[in-house]
Amino acid sequence: MIPQVTLYGRPECHLCDDARAVLQRVRADTPFELRERDIEADDDLFRRYLERIPVVAIDGEEAFELFVDEAELRRRLAIVRRR
Protein backbone atom coordinates (compact mmCIF):
# COMPACT_ATOMS: atom_id res chain seq x y z
CA MET A 1 0.00 0.00 0.00
CA ILE A 2 1.30 3.46 -0.91
CA PRO A 3 1.29 5.85 2.07
CA GLN A 4 -0.72 9.06 1.85
CA VAL A 5 1.10 12.19 2.99
CA THR A 6 -0.85 15.40 3.53
CA LEU A 7 0.76 18.83 3.71
CA TYR A 8 -1.36 21.43 5.50
CA GLY A 9 -0.26 24.95 4.65
CA ARG A 10 -1.23 28.14 2.90
CA PRO A 11 -0.01 30.31 0.04
CA GLU A 12 3.07 32.48 0.53
CA CYS A 13 4.29 30.42 3.48
CA HIS A 14 8.05 29.98 3.26
CA LEU A 15 8.13 27.15 5.78
CA CYS A 16 5.45 25.40 3.71
CA ASP A 17 7.63 25.79 0.61
CA ASP A 18 10.56 24.28 2.53
CA ALA A 19 8.42 21.35 3.70
CA ARG A 20 7.14 20.78 0.15
CA ALA A 21 10.73 20.67 -1.15
CA VAL A 22 11.66 17.98 1.40
CA LEU A 23 8.53 15.98 0.55
CA GLN A 24 9.26 16.16 -3.17
CA ARG A 25 12.88 15.16 -2.67
CA VAL A 26 11.89 12.10 -0.63
CA ARG A 27 9.05 11.25 -3.00
CA ALA A 28 11.53 11.01 -5.89
CA ASP A 29 12.80 7.69 -4.53
CA THR A 30 10.18 6.67 -1.96
CA PRO A 31 6.72 6.64 -3.54
CA PHE A 32 3.78 8.11 -1.64
CA GLU A 33 0.61 9.96 -2.52
CA LEU A 34 0.98 13.66 -1.74
CA ARG A 35 -2.06 15.77 -0.95
CA GLU A 36 -1.87 19.46 -0.21
CA ARG A 37 -4.53 21.24 1.81
CA ASP A 38 -4.80 25.03 1.85
CA ILE A 39 -5.91 25.87 5.38
CA GLU A 40 -7.31 29.20 4.18
CA ALA A 41 -9.95 27.34 2.15
CA ASP A 42 -11.46 25.63 5.22
CA ASP A 43 -12.42 27.45 8.43
CA ASP A 44 -11.89 24.37 10.61
CA LEU A 45 -8.41 23.70 9.17
CA PHE A 46 -7.57 27.39 9.51
CA ARG A 47 -8.46 27.41 13.23
CA ARG A 48 -6.70 24.09 13.83
CA TYR A 49 -3.44 24.75 12.01
CA LEU A 50 -2.90 28.52 11.69
CA GLU A 51 -0.12 28.78 14.30
CA ARG A 52 1.43 25.39 13.44
CA ILE A 53 1.88 25.28 9.65
CA PRO A 54 3.23 23.54 7.87
CA VAL A 55 1.82 20.34 9.33
CA VAL A 56 2.55 17.02 7.62
CA ALA A 57 0.42 13.95 8.28
CA ILE A 58 1.20 10.40 7.20
CA ASP A 59 -1.90 8.27 6.66
CA GLY A 60 -3.90 10.73 8.75
CA GLU A 61 -1.48 10.85 11.70
CA GLU A 62 0.32 14.13 12.31
CA ALA A 63 4.03 13.56 11.98
CA PHE A 64 5.66 17.00 11.67
CA GLU A 65 4.86 20.64 12.29
CA LEU A 66 6.83 23.73 11.32
CA PHE A 67 9.76 21.71 9.90
CA VAL A 68 10.10 18.31 8.21
CA ASP A 69 13.10 16.21 9.20
CA GLU A 70 14.03 14.33 6.02
CA ALA A 71 15.65 11.37 7.76
CA GLU A 72 12.71 10.98 10.13
CA LEU A 73 10.26 11.21 7.23
CA ARG A 74 12.09 8.41 5.43
CA ARG A 75 12.09 6.30 8.61
CA ARG A 76 8.37 6.80 9.18
CA LEU A 77 7.51 6.01 5.56
CA ALA A 78 9.55 2.80 5.76
CA ILE A 79 7.52 1.73 8.80
CA VAL A 80 4.22 2.50 7.07
CA ARG A 81 5.26 0.61 3.93
CA ARG A 82 6.06 -2.52 5.97
CA ARG A 83 2.55 -2.77 7.40
PDB file of N, CA and C in Angstrom:
ATOM      1  N   MET A   1       0.835  -1.187   0.000  1.00  0.00           N
ATOM      2  CA  MET A   1       0.000   0.000   0.000  1.00  0.00           C
ATOM      3  C   MET A   1       0.884   1.255   0.000  1.00  0.00           C
ATOM      4  N   ILE A   2       0.535   2.202  -0.824  1.00  0.00           N
ATOM      5  CA  ILE A   2       1.295   3.456  -0.908  1.00  0.00           C
ATOM      6  C   ILE A   2       0.797   4.401   0.180  1.00  0.00           C
ATOM      7  N   PRO A   3       1.700   4.916   1.016  1.00  0.00           N
ATOM      8  CA  PRO A   3       1.294   5.850   2.069  1.00  0.00           C
ATOM      9  C   PRO A   3       0.722   7.139   1.480  1.00  0.00           C
ATOM     10  N   GLN A   4      -0.174   7.756   2.232  1.00  0.00           N
ATOM     11  CA  GLN A   4      -0.717   9.057   1.849  1.00  0.00           C
ATOM     12  C   GLN A   4      -0.144  10.107   2.787  1.00  0.00           C
ATOM     13  N   VAL A   5       0.504  11.101   2.214  1.00  0.00           N
ATOM     14  CA  VAL A   5       1.099  12.188   2.990  1.00  0.00           C
ATOM     15  C   VAL A   5       0.325  13.460   2.664  1.00  0.00           C
ATOM     16  N   THR A   6      -0.097  14.166   3.707  1.00  0.00           N
ATOM     17  CA  THR A   6      -0.852  15.400   3.526  1.00  0.00           C
ATOM     18  C   THR A   6      -0.050  16.555   4.101  1.00  0.00           C
ATOM     19  N   LEU A   7       0.091  17.601   3.289  1.00  0.00           N
ATOM     20  CA  LEU A   7       0.763  18.825   3.710  1.00  0.00           C
ATOM     21  C   LEU A   7      -0.305  19.896   3.928  1.00  0.00           C
ATOM     22  N   TYR A   8      -0.448  20.339   5.163  1.00  0.00           N
ATOM     23  CA  TYR A   8      -1.364  21.429   5.496  1.00  0.00           C
ATOM     24  C   TYR A   8      -0.557  22.716   5.521  1.00  0.00           C
ATOM     25  N   GLY A   9      -0.987  23.689   4.721  1.00  0.00           N
ATOM     26  CA  GLY A   9      -0.263  24.948   4.649  1.00  0.00           C
ATOM     27  C   GLY A   9      -1.134  26.019   4.046  1.00  0.00           C
ATOM     28  N   ARG A  10      -0.502  27.061   3.572  1.00  0.00           N
ATOM     29  CA  ARG A  10      -1.229  28.139   2.903  1.00  0.00           C
ATOM     30  C   ARG A  10      -0.284  28.855   1.951  1.00  0.00           C
ATOM     31  N   PRO A  11      -0.846  29.605   1.011  1.00  0.00           N
ATOM     32  CA  PRO A  11      -0.012  30.314   0.038  1.00  0.00           C
ATOM     33  C   PRO A  11       0.941  31.306   0.720  1.00  0.00           C
ATOM     34  N   GLU A  12       2.067  31.524   0.086  1.00  0.00           N
ATOM     35  CA  GLU A  12       3.068  32.484   0.530  1.00  0.00           C
ATOM     36  C   GLU A  12       3.615  32.165   1.920  1.00  0.00           C
ATOM     37  N   CYS A  13       3.732  30.890   2.214  1.00  0.00           N
ATOM     38  CA  CYS A  13       4.286  30.423   3.484  1.00  0.00           C
ATOM     39  C   CYS A  13       5.642  29.799   3.173  1.00  0.00           C
ATOM     40  N   HIS A  14       6.715  30.464   3.589  1.00  0.00           N
ATOM     41  CA  HIS A  14       8.053  29.983   3.257  1.00  0.00           C
ATOM     42  C   HIS A  14       8.378  28.651   3.913  1.00  0.00           C
ATOM     43  N   LEU A  15       7.916  28.442   5.138  1.00  0.00           N
ATOM     44  CA  LEU A  15       8.133  27.149   5.780  1.00  0.00           C
ATOM     45  C   LEU A  15       7.386  26.039   5.041  1.00  0.00           C
ATOM     46  N   CYS A  16       6.208  26.377   4.498  1.00  0.00           N
ATOM     47  CA  CYS A  16       5.447  25.398   3.709  1.00  0.00           C
ATOM     48  C   CYS A  16       6.219  25.041   2.439  1.00  0.00           C
ATOM     49  N   ASP A  17       6.820  26.034   1.814  1.00  0.00           N
ATOM     50  CA  ASP A  17       7.630  25.789   0.615  1.00  0.00           C
ATOM     51  C   ASP A  17       8.812  24.879   0.948  1.00  0.00           C
ATOM     52  N   ASP A  18       9.433  25.118   2.105  1.00  0.00           N
ATOM     53  CA  ASP A  18      10.559  24.277   2.529  1.00  0.00           C
ATOM     54  C   ASP A  18      10.099  22.844   2.770  1.00  0.00           C
ATOM     55  N   ALA A  19       8.957  22.689   3.432  1.00  0.00           N
ATOM     56  CA  ALA A  19       8.419  21.350   3.697  1.00  0.00           C
ATOM     57  C   ALA A  19       8.095  20.637   2.390  1.00  0.00           C
ATOM     58  N   ARG A  20       7.487  21.353   1.451  1.00  0.00           N
ATOM     59  CA  ARG A  20       7.137  20.778   0.148  1.00  0.00           C
ATOM     60  C   ARG A  20       8.397  20.293  -0.570  1.00  0.00           C
ATOM     61  N   ALA A  21       9.474  21.050  -0.494  1.00  0.00           N
ATOM     62  CA  ALA A  21      10.733  20.667  -1.148  1.00  0.00           C
ATOM     63  C   ALA A  21      11.270  19.361  -0.556  1.00  0.00           C
ATOM     64  N   VAL A  22      11.209  19.228   0.768  1.00  0.00           N
ATOM     65  CA  VAL A  22      11.656  17.982   1.405  1.00  0.00           C
ATOM     66  C   VAL A  22      10.768  16.827   0.954  1.00  0.00           C
ATOM     67  N   LEU A  23       9.463  17.040   0.963  1.00  0.00           N
ATOM     68  CA  LEU A  23       8.532  15.981   0.547  1.00  0.00           C
ATOM     69  C   LEU A  23       8.799  15.548  -0.888  1.00  0.00           C
ATOM     70  N   GLN A  24       9.011  16.493  -1.771  1.00  0.00           N
ATOM     71  CA  GLN A  24       9.255  16.158  -3.172  1.00  0.00           C
ATOM     72  C   GLN A  24      10.587  15.429  -3.352  1.00  0.00           C
ATOM     73  N   ARG A  25      11.586  15.823  -2.594  1.00  0.00           N
ATOM     74  CA  ARG A  25      12.883  15.158  -2.673  1.00  0.00           C
ATOM     75  C   ARG A  25      12.768  13.696  -2.225  1.00  0.00           C
ATOM     76  N   VAL A  26      12.071  13.466  -1.130  1.00  0.00           N
ATOM     77  CA  VAL A  26      11.891  12.103  -0.625  1.00  0.00           C
ATOM     78  C   VAL A  26      11.016  11.294  -1.579  1.00  0.00           C
ATOM     79  N   ARG A  27       9.989  11.930  -2.097  1.00  0.00           N
ATOM     80  CA  ARG A  27       9.053  11.247  -3.003  1.00  0.00           C
ATOM     81  C   ARG A  27       9.717  10.774  -4.290  1.00  0.00           C
ATOM     82  N   ALA A  28      10.820  11.392  -4.666  1.00  0.00           N
ATOM     83  CA  ALA A  28      11.527  11.010  -5.892  1.00  0.00           C
ATOM     84  C   ALA A  28      12.023   9.569  -5.831  1.00  0.00           C
ATOM     85  N   ASP A  29      12.327   9.071  -4.622  1.00  0.00           N
ATOM     86  CA  ASP A  29      12.802   7.686  -4.528  1.00  0.00           C
ATOM     87  C   ASP A  29      12.011   6.816  -3.546  1.00  0.00           C
ATOM     88  N   THR A  30      11.040   7.411  -2.871  1.00  0.00           N
ATOM     89  CA  THR A  30      10.184   6.665  -1.955  1.00  0.00           C
ATOM     90  C   THR A  30       8.741   7.052  -2.269  1.00  0.00           C
ATOM     91  N   PRO A  31       8.051   6.252  -3.085  1.00  0.00           N
ATOM     92  CA  PRO A  31       6.718   6.640  -3.544  1.00  0.00           C
ATOM     93  C   PRO A  31       5.700   6.816  -2.410  1.00  0.00           C
ATOM     94  N   PHE A  32       4.943   7.896  -2.505  1.00  0.00           N
ATOM     95  CA  PHE A  32       3.783   8.111  -1.641  1.00  0.00           C
ATOM     96  C   PHE A  32       2.861   9.094  -2.344  1.00  0.00           C
ATOM     97  N   GLU A  33       1.592   9.037  -1.967  1.00  0.00           N
ATOM     98  CA  GLU A  33       0.612   9.962  -2.522  1.00  0.00           C
ATOM     99  C   GLU A  33       0.710  11.255  -1.731  1.00  0.00           C
ATOM    100  N   LEU A  34       0.868  12.373  -2.407  1.00  0.00           N
ATOM    101  CA  LEU A  34       0.985  13.662  -1.742  1.00  0.00           C
ATOM    102  C   LEU A  34      -0.276  14.475  -1.989  1.00  0.00           C
ATOM    103  N   ARG A  35      -0.912  14.871  -0.890  1.00  0.00           N
ATOM    104  CA  ARG A  35      -2.064  15.766  -0.952  1.00  0.00           C
ATOM    105  C   ARG A  35      -1.679  17.058  -0.259  1.00  0.00           C
ATOM    106  N   GLU A  36      -2.115  18.167  -0.839  1.00  0.00           N
ATOM    107  CA  GLU A  36      -1.867  19.463  -0.207  1.00  0.00           C
ATOM    108  C   GLU A  36      -3.206  20.090   0.133  1.00  0.00           C
ATOM    109  N   ARG A  37      -3.307  20.595   1.342  1.00  0.00           N
ATOM    110  CA  ARG A  37      -4.533  21.239   1.810  1.00  0.00           C
ATOM    111  C   ARG A  37      -4.220  22.679   2.182  1.00  0.00           C
ATOM    112  N   ASP A  38      -4.934  23.606   1.548  1.00  0.00           N
ATOM    113  CA  ASP A  38      -4.802  25.032   1.847  1.00  0.00           C
ATOM    114  C   ASP A  38      -5.707  25.328   3.043  1.00  0.00           C
ATOM    115  N   ILE A  39      -5.109  25.652   4.180  1.00  0.00           N
ATOM    116  CA  ILE A  39      -5.914  25.869   5.379  1.00  0.00           C
ATOM    117  C   ILE A  39      -6.812  27.101   5.255  1.00  0.00           C
ATOM    118  N   GLU A  40      -6.485  28.011   4.355  1.00  0.00           N
ATOM    119  CA  GLU A  40      -7.309  29.203   4.179  1.00  0.00           C
ATOM    120  C   GLU A  40      -8.630  28.895   3.479  1.00  0.00           C
ATOM    121  N   ALA A  41      -8.740  27.726   2.872  1.00  0.00           N
ATOM    122  CA  ALA A  41      -9.954  27.340   2.152  1.00  0.00           C
ATOM    123  C   ALA A  41     -10.958  26.613   3.046  1.00  0.00           C
ATOM    124  N   ASP A  42     -10.603  26.394   4.306  1.00  0.00           N
ATOM    125  CA  ASP A  42     -11.461  25.631   5.220  1.00  0.00           C
ATOM    126  C   ASP A  42     -11.340  26.237   6.622  1.00  0.00           C
ATOM    127  N   ASP A  43     -12.450  26.771   7.131  1.00  0.00           N
ATOM    128  CA  ASP A  43     -12.417  27.450   8.430  1.00  0.00           C
ATOM    129  C   ASP A  43     -11.905  26.555   9.554  1.00  0.00           C
ATOM    130  N   ASP A  44     -12.324  25.287   9.564  1.00  0.00           N
ATOM    131  CA  ASP A  44     -11.889  24.367  10.614  1.00  0.00           C
ATOM    132  C   ASP A  44     -10.379  24.141  10.539  1.00  0.00           C
ATOM    133  N   LEU A  45      -9.855  23.895   9.334  1.00  0.00           N
ATOM    134  CA  LEU A  45      -8.409  23.703   9.173  1.00  0.00           C
ATOM    135  C   LEU A  45      -7.653  24.970   9.554  1.00  0.00           C
ATOM    136  N   PHE A  46      -8.211  26.118   9.197  1.00  0.00           N
ATOM    137  CA  PHE A  46      -7.568  27.390   9.514  1.00  0.00           C
ATOM    138  C   PHE A  46      -7.416  27.543  11.027  1.00  0.00           C
ATOM    139  N   ARG A  47      -8.508  27.291  11.763  1.00  0.00           N
ATOM    140  CA  ARG A  47      -8.458  27.408  13.226  1.00  0.00           C
ATOM    141  C   ARG A  47      -7.493  26.380  13.830  1.00  0.00           C
ATOM    142  N   ARG A  48      -7.505  25.186  13.282  1.00  0.00           N
ATOM    143  CA  ARG A  48      -6.704  24.093  13.834  1.00  0.00           C
ATOM    144  C   ARG A  48      -5.204  24.247  13.587  1.00  0.00           C
ATOM    145  N   TYR A  49      -4.845  24.770  12.418  1.00  0.00           N
ATOM    146  CA  TYR A  49      -3.440  24.747  12.006  1.00  0.00           C
ATOM    147  C   TYR A  49      -2.760  26.105  11.862  1.00  0.00           C
ATOM    148  N   LEU A  50      -3.471  27.196  12.001  1.00  0.00           N
ATOM    149  CA  LEU A  50      -2.905  28.515  11.695  1.00  0.00           C
ATOM    150  C   LEU A  50      -1.532  28.753  12.324  1.00  0.00           C
ATOM    151  N   GLU A  51      -1.377  28.488  13.605  1.00  0.00           N
ATOM    152  CA  GLU A  51      -0.122  28.776  14.298  1.00  0.00           C
ATOM    153  C   GLU A  51       0.909  27.654  14.147  1.00  0.00           C
ATOM    154  N   ARG A  52       0.554  26.561  13.463  1.00  0.00           N
ATOM    155  CA  ARG A  52       1.427  25.385  13.438  1.00  0.00           C
ATOM    156  C   ARG A  52       1.969  25.038  12.049  1.00  0.00           C
ATOM    157  N   ILE A  53       1.515  25.716  10.998  1.00  0.00           N
ATOM    158  CA  ILE A  53       1.880  25.283   9.645  1.00  0.00           C
ATOM    159  C   ILE A  53       3.358  25.507   9.368  1.00  0.00           C
ATOM    160  N   PRO A  54       3.894  24.672   8.512  1.00  0.00           N
ATOM    161  CA  PRO A  54       3.229  23.537   7.873  1.00  0.00           C
ATOM    162  C   PRO A  54       3.086  22.353   8.838  1.00  0.00           C
ATOM    163  N   VAL A  55       2.028  21.597   8.620  1.00  0.00           N
ATOM    164  CA  VAL A  55       1.825  20.336   9.329  1.00  0.00           C
ATOM    165  C   VAL A  55       1.801  19.242   8.274  1.00  0.00           C
ATOM    166  N   VAL A  56       2.514  18.158   8.543  1.00  0.00           N
ATOM    167  CA  VAL A  56       2.549  17.021   7.620  1.00  0.00           C
ATOM    168  C   VAL A  56       1.991  15.808   8.358  1.00  0.00           C
ATOM    169  N   ALA A  57       1.015  15.164   7.722  1.00  0.00           N
ATOM    170  CA  ALA A  57       0.419  13.951   8.281  1.00  0.00           C
ATOM    171  C   ALA A  57       0.733  12.781   7.355  1.00  0.00           C
ATOM    172  N   ILE A  58       0.963  11.629   7.959  1.00  0.00           N
ATOM    173  CA  ILE A  58       1.195  10.398   7.196  1.00  0.00           C
ATOM    174  C   ILE A  58       0.044   9.460   7.514  1.00  0.00           C
ATOM    175  N   ASP A  59      -0.714   9.116   6.483  1.00  0.00           N
ATOM    176  CA  ASP A  59      -1.904   8.271   6.657  1.00  0.00           C
ATOM    177  C   ASP A  59      -2.794   8.791   7.776  1.00  0.00           C
ATOM    178  N   GLY A  60      -2.992  10.111   7.813  1.00  0.00           N
ATOM    179  CA  GLY A  60      -3.900  10.731   8.755  1.00  0.00           C
ATOM    180  C   GLY A  60      -3.324  11.032  10.128  1.00  0.00           C
ATOM    181  N   GLU A  61      -2.104  10.604  10.392  1.00  0.00           N
ATOM    182  CA  GLU A  61      -1.476  10.846  11.697  1.00  0.00           C
ATOM    183  C   GLU A  61      -0.453  11.970  11.563  1.00  0.00           C
ATOM    184  N   GLU A  62      -0.625  13.013  12.371  1.00  0.00           N
ATOM    185  CA  GLU A  62       0.317  14.131  12.312  1.00  0.00           C
ATOM    186  C   GLU A  62       1.714  13.653  12.662  1.00  0.00           C
ATOM    187  N   ALA A  63       2.661  14.008  11.796  1.00  0.00           N
ATOM    188  CA  ALA A  63       4.034  13.556  11.976  1.00  0.00           C
ATOM    189  C   ALA A  63       5.009  14.718  12.201  1.00  0.00           C
ATOM    190  N   PHE A  64       4.747  15.852  11.578  1.00  0.00           N
ATOM    191  CA  PHE A  64       5.658  16.998  11.671  1.00  0.00           C
ATOM    192  C   PHE A  64       4.857  18.290  11.712  1.00  0.00           C
ATOM    193  N   GLU A  65       5.397  19.291  12.392  1.00  0.00           N
ATOM    194  CA  GLU A  65       4.859  20.641  12.295  1.00  0.00           C
ATOM    195  C   GLU A  65       6.029  21.617  12.273  1.00  0.00           C
ATOM    196  N   LEU A  66       5.848  22.677  11.538  1.00  0.00           N
ATOM    197  CA  LEU A  66       6.835  23.735  11.316  1.00  0.00           C
ATOM    198  C   LEU A  66       7.998  23.306  10.424  1.00  0.00           C
ATOM    199  N   PHE A  67       8.633  22.182  10.710  1.00  0.00           N
ATOM    200  CA  PHE A  67       9.756  21.710   9.899  1.00  0.00           C
ATOM    201  C   PHE A  67       9.618  20.210   9.666  1.00  0.00           C
ATOM    202  N   VAL A  68      10.118  19.742   8.518  1.00  0.00           N
ATOM    203  CA  VAL A  68      10.099  18.310   8.207  1.00  0.00           C
ATOM    204  C   VAL A  68      11.534  17.801   8.238  1.00  0.00           C
ATOM    205  N   ASP A  69      11.794  16.847   9.112  1.00  0.00           N
ATOM    206  CA  ASP A  69      13.104  16.213   9.196  1.00  0.00           C
ATOM    207  C   ASP A  69      13.144  15.105   8.142  1.00  0.00           C
ATOM    208  N   GLU A  70      14.000  15.261   7.145  1.00  0.00           N
ATOM    209  CA  GLU A  70      14.027  14.328   6.019  1.00  0.00           C
ATOM    210  C   GLU A  70      14.333  12.896   6.454  1.00  0.00           C
ATOM    211  N   ALA A  71      15.297  12.722   7.308  1.00  0.00           N
ATOM    212  CA  ALA A  71      15.654  11.368   7.758  1.00  0.00           C
ATOM    213  C   ALA A  71      14.502  10.730   8.527  1.00  0.00           C
ATOM    214  N   GLU A  72      13.849  11.499   9.364  1.00  0.00           N
ATOM    215  CA  GLU A  72      12.707  10.975  10.135  1.00  0.00           C
ATOM    216  C   GLU A  72      11.527  10.664   9.215  1.00  0.00           C
ATOM    217  N   LEU A  73      11.319  11.482   8.204  1.00  0.00           N
ATOM    218  CA  LEU A  73      10.258  11.210   7.229  1.00  0.00           C
ATOM    219  C   LEU A  73      10.529   9.884   6.526  1.00  0.00           C
ATOM    220  N   ARG A  74      11.742   9.676   6.095  1.00  0.00           N
ATOM    221  CA  ARG A  74      12.091   8.414   5.430  1.00  0.00           C
ATOM    222  C   ARG A  74      11.884   7.224   6.369  1.00  0.00           C
ATOM    223  N   ARG A  75      12.260   7.374   7.627  1.00  0.00           N
ATOM    224  CA  ARG A  75      12.088   6.305   8.611  1.00  0.00           C
ATOM    225  C   ARG A  75      10.607   5.980   8.809  1.00  0.00           C
ATOM    226  N   ARG A  76       9.799   7.015   8.959  1.00  0.00           N
ATOM    227  CA  ARG A  76       8.366   6.803   9.179  1.00  0.00           C
ATOM    228  C   ARG A  76       7.698   6.176   7.959  1.00  0.00           C
ATOM    229  N   LEU A  77       8.091   6.603   6.776  1.00  0.00           N
ATOM    230  CA  LEU A  77       7.514   6.012   5.561  1.00  0.00           C
ATOM    231  C   LEU A  77       7.899   4.544   5.437  1.00  0.00           C
ATOM    232  N   ALA A  78       9.110   4.208   5.815  1.00  0.00           N
ATOM    233  CA  ALA A  78       9.549   2.800   5.758  1.00  0.00           C
ATOM    234  C   ALA A  78       8.698   1.937   6.686  1.00  0.00           C
ATOM    235  N   ILE A  79       8.363   2.465   7.859  1.00  0.00           N
ATOM    236  CA  ILE A  79       7.522   1.727   8.798  1.00  0.00           C
ATOM    237  C   ILE A  79       6.122   1.525   8.221  1.00  0.00           C
ATOM    238  N   VAL A  80       5.561   2.572   7.651  1.00  0.00           N
ATOM    239  CA  VAL A  80       4.219   2.497   7.067  1.00  0.00           C
ATOM    240  C   VAL A  80       4.185   1.481   5.913  1.00  0.00           C
ATOM    241  N   ARG A  81       5.214   1.496   5.099  1.00  0.00           N
ATOM    242  CA  ARG A  81       5.261   0.607   3.927  1.00  0.00           C
ATOM    243  C   ARG A  81       5.382  -0.861   4.329  1.00  0.00           C
ATOM    244  N   ARG A  82       5.909  -1.143   5.522  1.00  0.00           N
ATOM    245  CA  ARG A  82       6.058  -2.521   5.974  1.00  0.00           C
ATOM    246  C   ARG A  82       4.764  -3.125   6.512  1.00  0.00           C
ATOM    247  N   ARG A  83       3.814  -2.266   6.834  1.00  0.00           N
ATOM    248  CA  ARG A  83       2.546  -2.766   7.399  1.00  0.00           C
ATOM    249  C   ARG A  83       1.767  -3.571   6.411  1.00  0.00           C
TER     250      ARG A  83
END
